Amino acid sequence: MSTSCEETAAEVKTEMPSVSIRGFQPGDEARFKALNEEWIVRYFVLEDKDRAVLGDPVNYILGPGGEIIFATVGDEIVGCCALAPEGPGQYEVAKMAVTEAYQGKGIGRKILERVIAEARAKGATRLYLETNSKLSATHLYVSVGFRHVPIERRKTSLYSRADVFMEMMLD
């Protein structure tokens, strides 16, 4: 029995889960911490700044005027990203994570696009992020408009793992 190309393609295609993007809700602290610890300890080690921010995201991110965005599939939180104030009109895109089982499905892009929209709504003029070249997210950041920060404008990072520094200027 032969199958058509359409049937074969349909069988091979991975179905995109129904993803919802939402802001922080009380009680999300534990999932924010777990999602980030998952990738950090897989590739690096938890540092003092990680422990502080992940241990109290309300004080470190939300209190000063930031946002934490989550991706959900059904009732499960599968990804997150923080928008942390750095100064007037400037925010850091930080603590972006998608749990391993849901990576490669476009969820990180959806979260990042929402974070950028939230920054624009807050009147941000510049977004900044730090990452590591070992991670695969750099191409995603470039695809939405981030550019590498020239070496002469790089600031000292609080994370020893940071070796990629990027920014996006917003209109």
N, C-alpha and C. Protein backbone atom coordinates (compact mmCIF):
# COMPACT_ATOMS: atom_id res chain seq x y z
N MET A 1 0.85 -1.18 0.00
CA MET A 1 0.00 0.00 0.00
C MET A 1 0.89 1.24 0.00
N SER A 2 0.59 2.15 -0.88
CA SER A 2 1.40 3.37 -0.95
C SER A 2 0.68 4.52 -0.26
N THR A 3 1.45 5.48 0.18
CA THR A 3 0.87 6.67 0.81
C THR A 3 1.22 7.88 -0.02
N SER A 4 0.40 8.87 0.05
CA SER A 4 0.69 10.09 -0.70
C SER A 4 1.74 10.90 0.04
N CYS A 5 2.34 11.83 -0.68
CA CYS A 5 3.34 12.72 -0.06
C CYS A 5 2.71 13.53 1.06
N GLU A 6 1.45 13.94 0.87
CA GLU A 6 0.79 14.74 1.91
C GLU A 6 0.62 13.93 3.19
N GLU A 7 0.24 12.68 3.08
CA GLU A 7 0.08 11.85 4.28
C GLU A 7 1.41 11.65 4.98
N THR A 8 2.45 11.39 4.19
CA THR A 8 3.77 11.18 4.78
C THR A 8 4.25 12.45 5.49
N ALA A 9 4.07 13.59 4.85
CA ALA A 9 4.48 14.86 5.46
C ALA A 9 3.68 15.13 6.73
N ALA A 10 2.40 14.80 6.73
CA ALA A 10 1.57 15.02 7.91
C ALA A 10 2.02 14.15 9.07
N GLU A 11 2.44 12.92 8.76
CA GLU A 11 2.90 12.02 9.81
C GLU A 11 4.21 12.49 10.41
N VAL A 12 5.09 13.05 9.58
CA VAL A 12 6.41 13.49 10.02
C VAL A 12 6.34 14.82 10.77
N LYS A 13 5.41 15.67 10.38
CA LYS A 13 5.32 17.01 10.96
C LYS A 13 5.03 16.93 12.46
N THR A 14 5.78 17.68 13.25
CA THR A 14 5.55 17.76 14.68
C THR A 14 4.50 18.84 14.92
N GLU A 15 3.45 18.46 15.60
CA GLU A 15 2.37 19.40 15.84
C GLU A 15 2.77 20.43 16.89
N MET A 16 2.52 21.70 16.59
CA MET A 16 2.81 22.78 17.52
C MET A 16 1.78 22.77 18.63
N PRO A 17 2.22 22.73 19.87
CA PRO A 17 1.24 22.76 20.97
C PRO A 17 0.54 24.12 21.02
N SER A 18 -0.66 24.12 21.59
CA SER A 18 -1.39 25.37 21.77
C SER A 18 -0.76 26.11 22.94
N VAL A 19 -0.13 27.22 22.64
CA VAL A 19 0.65 27.97 23.63
C VAL A 19 -0.05 29.27 23.96
N SER A 20 -0.14 29.56 25.24
CA SER A 20 -0.65 30.86 25.70
C SER A 20 0.49 31.62 26.35
N ILE A 21 0.49 32.92 26.16
CA ILE A 21 1.51 33.78 26.76
C ILE A 21 0.80 34.69 27.76
N ARG A 22 1.32 34.77 28.96
CA ARG A 22 0.70 35.59 30.00
C ARG A 22 1.74 36.19 30.92
N GLY A 23 1.29 37.18 31.68
CA GLY A 23 2.15 37.81 32.67
C GLY A 23 2.21 37.01 33.96
N PHE A 24 3.07 37.47 34.83
CA PHE A 24 3.27 36.86 36.15
C PHE A 24 1.98 36.87 36.96
N GLN A 25 1.75 35.77 37.67
CA GLN A 25 0.65 35.68 38.63
C GLN A 25 1.21 35.21 39.96
N PRO A 26 0.64 35.66 41.07
CA PRO A 26 1.13 35.19 42.37
C PRO A 26 1.17 33.66 42.39
N GLY A 27 2.27 33.14 42.88
CA GLY A 27 2.46 31.69 42.92
C GLY A 27 3.37 31.17 41.81
N ASP A 28 3.69 32.03 40.83
CA ASP A 28 4.55 31.63 39.71
C ASP A 28 6.03 31.60 40.08
N GLU A 29 6.37 32.09 41.25
CA GLU A 29 7.78 32.20 41.64
C GLU A 29 8.51 30.85 41.54
N ALA A 30 7.90 29.79 42.03
CA ALA A 30 8.57 28.48 42.05
C ALA A 30 8.84 27.97 40.64
N ARG A 31 7.92 28.16 39.73
CA ARG A 31 8.11 27.68 38.35
C ARG A 31 9.16 28.52 37.63
N PHE A 32 9.18 29.83 37.89
CA PHE A 32 10.21 30.71 37.32
C PHE A 32 11.59 30.22 37.75
N LYS A 33 11.72 29.91 39.02
CA LYS A 33 13.00 29.42 39.55
C LYS A 33 13.36 28.07 38.93
N ALA A 34 12.42 27.13 38.87
CA ALA A 34 12.70 25.79 38.36
C ALA A 34 13.09 25.81 36.89
N LEU A 35 12.37 26.59 36.07
CA LEU A 35 12.69 26.67 34.64
C LEU A 35 14.11 27.18 34.42
N ASN A 36 14.51 28.18 35.17
CA ASN A 36 15.84 28.75 35.00
C ASN A 36 16.93 27.86 35.58
N GLU A 37 16.68 27.26 36.72
CA GLU A 37 17.67 26.36 37.28
C GLU A 37 17.92 25.18 36.35
N GLU A 38 16.87 24.75 35.64
CA GLU A 38 16.99 23.61 34.72
C GLU A 38 18.10 23.85 33.68
N TRP A 39 18.08 25.02 33.02
CA TRP A 39 19.09 25.26 31.99
C TRP A 39 20.42 25.69 32.57
N ILE A 40 20.38 26.46 33.65
CA ILE A 40 21.64 26.95 34.22
C ILE A 40 22.49 25.78 34.70
N VAL A 41 21.91 24.87 35.48
CA VAL A 41 22.71 23.76 36.02
C VAL A 41 23.05 22.73 34.95
N ARG A 42 22.28 22.69 33.85
CA ARG A 42 22.61 21.77 32.76
C ARG A 42 23.91 22.20 32.07
N TYR A 43 24.11 23.51 31.90
CA TYR A 43 25.26 24.01 31.15
C TYR A 43 26.32 24.71 32.00
N PHE A 44 25.93 25.24 33.15
CA PHE A 44 26.83 26.08 33.95
C PHE A 44 26.66 25.73 35.43
N VAL A 45 26.88 26.70 36.29
CA VAL A 45 26.60 26.57 37.72
C VAL A 45 25.78 27.78 38.16
N LEU A 46 24.97 27.59 39.17
CA LEU A 46 24.22 28.72 39.74
C LEU A 46 25.20 29.68 40.38
N GLU A 47 25.04 30.96 40.09
CA GLU A 47 25.91 31.98 40.66
C GLU A 47 25.11 32.78 41.68
N ASP A 48 25.81 33.62 42.45
CA ASP A 48 25.15 34.40 43.50
C ASP A 48 23.99 35.23 42.95
N LYS A 49 24.19 35.89 41.81
CA LYS A 49 23.14 36.72 41.22
C LYS A 49 21.94 35.86 40.82
N ASP A 50 22.18 34.65 40.30
CA ASP A 50 21.08 33.73 39.98
C ASP A 50 20.28 33.42 41.24
N ARG A 51 20.97 33.05 42.29
CA ARG A 51 20.29 32.68 43.53
C ARG A 51 19.43 33.83 44.06
N ALA A 52 19.96 35.04 44.00
CA ALA A 52 19.22 36.20 44.49
C ALA A 52 17.97 36.45 43.67
N VAL A 53 18.11 36.54 42.35
CA VAL A 53 16.98 36.87 41.48
C VAL A 53 15.96 35.74 41.46
N LEU A 54 16.42 34.51 41.32
CA LEU A 54 15.49 33.38 41.28
C LEU A 54 14.82 33.13 42.62
N GLY A 55 15.49 33.50 43.69
CA GLY A 55 14.93 33.33 45.02
C GLY A 55 13.90 34.38 45.39
N ASP A 56 13.91 35.52 44.71
CA ASP A 56 12.97 36.60 45.03
C ASP A 56 12.69 37.47 43.80
N PRO A 57 12.05 36.89 42.77
CA PRO A 57 11.80 37.66 41.56
C PRO A 57 10.85 38.84 41.76
N VAL A 58 10.02 38.77 42.77
CA VAL A 58 9.11 39.89 43.02
C VAL A 58 9.92 41.12 43.43
N ASN A 59 10.89 40.94 44.30
CA ASN A 59 11.71 42.06 44.76
C ASN A 59 12.70 42.53 43.70
N TYR A 60 13.34 41.59 42.99
CA TYR A 60 14.40 41.95 42.05
C TYR A 60 13.89 42.37 40.68
N ILE A 61 12.73 41.88 40.25
CA ILE A 61 12.25 42.17 38.89
C ILE A 61 10.95 42.97 38.90
N LEU A 62 9.95 42.45 39.55
CA LEU A 62 8.63 43.08 39.50
C LEU A 62 8.55 44.36 40.32
N GLY A 63 9.12 44.35 41.51
CA GLY A 63 9.06 45.52 42.39
C GLY A 63 9.60 46.79 41.77
N PRO A 64 10.76 46.73 41.11
CA PRO A 64 11.32 47.92 40.47
C PRO A 64 10.64 48.32 39.16
N GLY A 65 9.59 47.59 38.75
CA GLY A 65 8.87 47.96 37.54
C GLY A 65 9.08 47.05 36.35
N GLY A 66 9.58 45.85 36.58
CA GLY A 66 9.80 44.90 35.50
C GLY A 66 8.61 43.99 35.28
N GLU A 67 8.80 43.03 34.42
CA GLU A 67 7.77 42.06 34.07
C GLU A 67 8.39 40.67 34.01
N ILE A 68 7.56 39.67 34.24
CA ILE A 68 7.95 38.29 33.96
C ILE A 68 6.84 37.71 33.11
N ILE A 69 7.21 37.18 31.97
CA ILE A 69 6.26 36.63 31.01
C ILE A 69 6.40 35.11 31.01
N PHE A 70 5.27 34.43 30.94
CA PHE A 70 5.26 32.96 30.93
C PHE A 70 4.56 32.42 29.69
N ALA A 71 5.02 31.27 29.24
CA ALA A 71 4.35 30.50 28.19
C ALA A 71 3.72 29.29 28.87
N THR A 72 2.48 29.01 28.54
CA THR A 72 1.81 27.85 29.10
C THR A 72 1.26 26.97 27.97
N VAL A 73 1.24 25.69 28.24
CA VAL A 73 0.57 24.72 27.40
C VAL A 73 -0.40 24.02 28.34
N GLY A 74 -1.69 24.27 28.12
CA GLY A 74 -2.67 23.81 29.09
C GLY A 74 -2.43 24.51 30.40
N ASP A 75 -2.34 23.75 31.47
CA ASP A 75 -2.08 24.32 32.80
C ASP A 75 -0.59 24.32 33.14
N GLU A 76 0.25 23.83 32.23
CA GLU A 76 1.67 23.71 32.52
C GLU A 76 2.44 24.94 32.03
N ILE A 77 3.23 25.53 32.92
CA ILE A 77 4.14 26.62 32.54
C ILE A 77 5.38 25.98 31.94
N VAL A 78 5.65 26.31 30.66
CA VAL A 78 6.74 25.66 29.95
C VAL A 78 7.88 26.60 29.59
N GLY A 79 7.69 27.90 29.79
CA GLY A 79 8.74 28.85 29.47
C GLY A 79 8.53 30.18 30.16
N CYS A 80 9.59 31.00 30.20
CA CYS A 80 9.50 32.30 30.85
C CYS A 80 10.61 33.22 30.37
N CYS A 81 10.44 34.48 30.68
CA CYS A 81 11.47 35.48 30.41
C CYS A 81 11.16 36.71 31.26
N ALA A 82 12.20 37.34 31.77
CA ALA A 82 12.04 38.54 32.59
C ALA A 82 12.47 39.77 31.81
N LEU A 83 11.84 40.86 32.14
CA LEU A 83 12.17 42.19 31.63
C LEU A 83 12.51 43.01 32.87
N ALA A 84 13.80 43.20 33.12
CA ALA A 84 14.25 43.83 34.35
C ALA A 84 14.72 45.26 34.09
N PRO A 85 14.18 46.24 34.83
CA PRO A 85 14.60 47.63 34.64
C PRO A 85 16.08 47.81 34.95
N GLU A 86 16.75 48.59 34.10
CA GLU A 86 18.17 48.89 34.31
C GLU A 86 18.43 50.37 34.49
N GLY A 87 17.48 51.19 34.11
CA GLY A 87 17.63 52.64 34.18
C GLY A 87 16.53 53.25 33.34
N PRO A 88 16.46 54.56 33.28
CA PRO A 88 15.40 55.21 32.51
C PRO A 88 15.38 54.73 31.05
N GLY A 89 14.27 54.12 30.66
CA GLY A 89 14.09 53.64 29.30
C GLY A 89 14.90 52.42 28.92
N GLN A 90 15.59 51.81 29.88
CA GLN A 90 16.45 50.66 29.59
C GLN A 90 16.06 49.46 30.43
N TYR A 91 15.97 48.32 29.75
CA TYR A 91 15.59 47.07 30.41
C TYR A 91 16.52 45.95 29.96
N GLU A 92 16.74 45.03 30.87
CA GLU A 92 17.48 43.82 30.52
C GLU A 92 16.49 42.70 30.26
N VAL A 93 16.68 41.97 29.17
CA VAL A 93 15.94 40.76 28.89
C VAL A 93 16.75 39.65 29.55
N ALA A 94 16.16 38.99 30.53
CA ALA A 94 16.92 38.06 31.36
C ALA A 94 16.10 36.83 31.72
N LYS A 95 16.82 35.81 32.15
CA LYS A 95 16.21 34.60 32.68
C LYS A 95 15.19 34.00 31.72
N MET A 96 15.59 33.92 30.44
CA MET A 96 14.72 33.30 29.44
C MET A 96 14.95 31.80 29.45
N ALA A 97 13.86 31.05 29.52
CA ALA A 97 13.97 29.60 29.59
C ALA A 97 12.74 28.95 28.95
N VAL A 98 12.97 27.84 28.27
CA VAL A 98 11.90 26.97 27.80
C VAL A 98 12.32 25.57 28.21
N THR A 99 11.43 24.88 28.92
CA THR A 99 11.76 23.54 29.39
C THR A 99 12.13 22.65 28.20
N GLU A 100 13.06 21.74 28.42
CA GLU A 100 13.66 20.97 27.33
C GLU A 100 12.64 20.27 26.42
N ALA A 101 11.59 19.72 26.98
CA ALA A 101 10.60 18.99 26.18
C ALA A 101 9.87 19.88 25.17
N TYR A 102 9.88 21.18 25.38
CA TYR A 102 9.16 22.11 24.50
C TYR A 102 10.08 22.99 23.66
N GLN A 103 11.37 22.75 23.72
CA GLN A 103 12.30 23.55 22.93
C GLN A 103 12.17 23.20 21.44
N GLY A 104 12.45 24.18 20.60
CA GLY A 104 12.40 23.96 19.16
C GLY A 104 11.00 24.04 18.57
N LYS A 105 10.04 24.55 19.32
CA LYS A 105 8.66 24.63 18.86
C LYS A 105 8.18 26.08 18.69
N GLY A 106 9.10 27.04 18.74
CA GLY A 106 8.73 28.44 18.55
C GLY A 106 8.24 29.14 19.80
N ILE A 107 8.31 28.48 20.94
CA ILE A 107 7.81 29.05 22.18
C ILE A 107 8.71 30.19 22.66
N GLY A 108 10.01 30.01 22.56
CA GLY A 108 10.93 31.08 22.96
C GLY A 108 10.69 32.35 22.16
N ARG A 109 10.43 32.21 20.87
CA ARG A 109 10.15 33.38 20.03
C ARG A 109 8.88 34.08 20.50
N LYS A 110 7.84 33.32 20.81
CA LYS A 110 6.58 33.92 21.27
C LYS A 110 6.79 34.69 22.58
N ILE A 111 7.55 34.11 23.48
CA ILE A 111 7.83 34.78 24.75
C ILE A 111 8.61 36.06 24.49
N LEU A 112 9.66 35.96 23.68
CA LEU A 112 10.52 37.11 23.41
C LEU A 112 9.74 38.23 22.73
N GLU A 113 8.90 37.90 21.77
CA GLU A 113 8.08 38.92 21.11
C GLU A 113 7.17 39.62 22.10
N ARG A 114 6.62 38.90 23.05
CA ARG A 114 5.77 39.52 24.08
C ARG A 114 6.59 40.41 25.00
N VAL A 115 7.78 39.97 25.36
CA VAL A 115 8.67 40.77 26.21
C VAL A 115 9.02 42.09 25.50
N ILE A 116 9.31 42.03 24.22
CA ILE A 116 9.63 43.24 23.46
C ILE A 116 8.42 44.16 23.40
N ALA A 117 7.23 43.59 23.20
CA ALA A 117 6.00 44.41 23.18
C ALA A 117 5.77 45.07 24.54
N GLU A 118 6.01 44.35 25.62
CA GLU A 118 5.87 44.92 26.97
C GLU A 118 6.86 46.06 27.17
N ALA A 119 8.08 45.88 26.69
CA ALA A 119 9.10 46.94 26.82
C ALA A 119 8.67 48.19 26.07
N ARG A 120 8.16 48.01 24.86
CA ARG A 120 7.67 49.15 24.08
C ARG A 120 6.54 49.86 24.82
N ALA A 121 5.63 49.08 25.40
CA ALA A 121 4.50 49.66 26.14
C ALA A 121 4.97 50.46 27.34
N LYS A 122 6.10 50.09 27.90
CA LYS A 122 6.67 50.81 29.05
C LYS A 122 7.50 52.02 28.61
N GLY A 123 7.62 52.22 27.31
CA GLY A 123 8.40 53.35 26.81
C GLY A 123 9.89 53.09 26.73
N ALA A 124 10.29 51.83 26.71
CA ALA A 124 11.71 51.50 26.65
C ALA A 124 12.33 52.01 25.34
N THR A 125 13.57 52.44 25.45
CA THR A 125 14.32 52.87 24.27
C THR A 125 15.44 51.88 23.93
N ARG A 126 15.81 51.05 24.91
CA ARG A 126 16.90 50.09 24.70
C ARG A 126 16.66 48.84 25.53
N LEU A 127 16.86 47.70 24.88
CA LEU A 127 16.86 46.41 25.56
C LEU A 127 18.28 45.86 25.51
N TYR A 128 18.67 45.18 26.55
CA TYR A 128 20.02 44.64 26.68
C TYR A 128 19.90 43.20 27.13
N LEU A 129 20.82 42.35 26.71
CA LEU A 129 20.85 40.98 27.23
C LEU A 129 22.26 40.44 27.21
N GLU A 130 22.47 39.47 28.08
CA GLU A 130 23.73 38.74 28.13
C GLU A 130 23.39 37.27 27.99
N THR A 131 24.21 36.55 27.26
CA THR A 131 24.01 35.11 27.12
C THR A 131 25.36 34.45 26.96
N ASN A 132 25.37 33.20 26.57
CA ASN A 132 26.61 32.47 26.38
C ASN A 132 26.60 31.83 25.00
N SER A 133 27.74 31.83 24.35
CA SER A 133 27.85 31.29 23.00
C SER A 133 27.56 29.79 22.94
N LYS A 134 27.60 29.11 24.06
CA LYS A 134 27.28 27.69 24.12
C LYS A 134 25.78 27.43 23.90
N LEU A 135 24.97 28.43 24.19
CA LEU A 135 23.52 28.29 24.08
C LEU A 135 23.07 28.61 22.66
N SER A 136 21.92 28.11 22.28
CA SER A 136 21.45 28.27 20.89
C SER A 136 20.56 29.49 20.68
N ALA A 137 20.37 30.32 21.67
CA ALA A 137 19.41 31.42 21.57
C ALA A 137 19.92 32.63 20.79
N THR A 138 21.20 32.74 20.56
CA THR A 138 21.73 33.94 19.90
C THR A 138 21.07 34.19 18.55
N HIS A 139 20.86 33.14 17.77
CA HIS A 139 20.22 33.33 16.45
C HIS A 139 18.79 33.86 16.60
N LEU A 140 18.09 33.45 17.64
CA LEU A 140 16.74 33.96 17.90
C LEU A 140 16.80 35.45 18.20
N TYR A 141 17.72 35.85 19.05
CA TYR A 141 17.85 37.27 19.41
C TYR A 141 18.14 38.12 18.17
N VAL A 142 19.05 37.66 17.33
CA VAL A 142 19.37 38.38 16.10
C VAL A 142 18.14 38.47 15.20
N SER A 143 17.38 37.39 15.11
CA SER A 143 16.23 37.37 14.20
C SER A 143 15.13 38.34 14.59
N VAL A 144 15.07 38.75 15.86
CA VAL A 144 14.05 39.72 16.27
C VAL A 144 14.60 41.14 16.36
N GLY A 145 15.90 41.32 16.07
CA GLY A 145 16.43 42.67 16.01
C GLY A 145 17.55 43.01 16.97
N PHE A 146 17.99 42.08 17.81
CA PHE A 146 19.13 42.36 18.69
C PHE A 146 20.42 42.36 17.88
N ARG A 147 21.36 43.19 18.31
CA ARG A 147 22.67 43.28 17.68
C ARG A 147 23.74 43.18 18.76
N HIS A 148 24.92 42.70 18.38
CA HIS A 148 26.01 42.58 19.35
C HIS A 148 26.47 43.96 19.79
N VAL A 149 26.72 44.10 21.07
CA VAL A 149 27.23 45.35 21.63
C VAL A 149 28.71 45.45 21.28
N PRO A 150 29.14 46.57 20.71
CA PRO A 150 30.57 46.73 20.41
C PRO A 150 31.40 46.57 21.69
N ILE A 151 32.55 45.98 21.56
CA ILE A 151 33.38 45.65 22.72
C ILE A 151 33.67 46.87 23.59
N GLU A 152 33.83 48.03 22.98
CA GLU A 152 34.16 49.23 23.76
C GLU A 152 32.99 49.72 24.62
N ARG A 153 31.78 49.23 24.36
CA ARG A 153 30.62 49.64 25.17
C ARG A 153 30.12 48.54 26.11
N ARG A 154 30.82 47.43 26.16
CA ARG A 154 30.38 46.34 27.03
C ARG A 154 30.67 46.69 28.49
N LYS A 155 29.73 46.33 29.34
CA LYS A 155 29.95 46.52 30.77
C LYS A 155 30.35 45.20 31.39
N THR A 156 30.92 45.25 32.55
CA THR A 156 31.30 44.04 33.26
C THR A 156 30.04 43.31 33.71
N SER A 157 29.99 42.04 33.43
CA SER A 157 28.82 41.24 33.78
C SER A 157 28.91 40.72 35.21
N LEU A 158 27.74 40.52 35.81
CA LEU A 158 27.67 39.88 37.13
C LEU A 158 27.71 38.36 37.00
N TYR A 159 27.70 37.85 35.77
CA TYR A 159 27.70 36.41 35.52
C TYR A 159 29.00 35.99 34.84
N SER A 160 29.70 35.04 35.42
CA SER A 160 30.95 34.59 34.80
C SER A 160 30.69 33.87 33.49
N ARG A 161 29.49 33.33 33.28
CA ARG A 161 29.18 32.59 32.04
C ARG A 161 28.91 33.50 30.85
N ALA A 162 28.65 34.78 31.07
CA ALA A 162 28.29 35.69 29.98
C ALA A 162 29.48 35.96 29.07
N ASP A 163 29.30 35.63 27.77
CA ASP A 163 30.33 35.96 26.78
C ASP A 163 29.72 36.53 25.50
N VAL A 164 28.41 36.74 25.49
CA VAL A 164 27.71 37.36 24.38
C VAL A 164 26.87 38.49 24.96
N PHE A 165 27.01 39.70 24.40
CA PHE A 165 26.33 40.88 24.91
C PHE A 165 25.59 41.51 23.74
N MET A 166 24.28 41.70 23.88
CA MET A 166 23.47 42.19 22.77
C MET A 166 22.53 43.30 23.23
N GLU A 167 22.09 44.10 22.25
CA GLU A 167 21.14 45.16 22.56
C GLU A 167 20.18 45.35 21.39
N MET A 168 19.06 45.93 21.70
CA MET A 168 18.08 46.32 20.68
C MET A 168 17.64 47.73 21.00
N MET A 169 17.77 48.62 20.02
CA MET A 169 17.28 49.97 20.18
C MET A 169 15.83 50.01 19.73
N LEU A 170 14.97 50.59 20.56
CA LEU A 170 13.54 50.67 20.25
C LEU A 170 13.18 52.10 19.86
N ASP A 171 12.28 52.24 18.93
CA ASP A 171 11.84 53.58 18.47
C ASP A 171 10.77 54.12 19.38
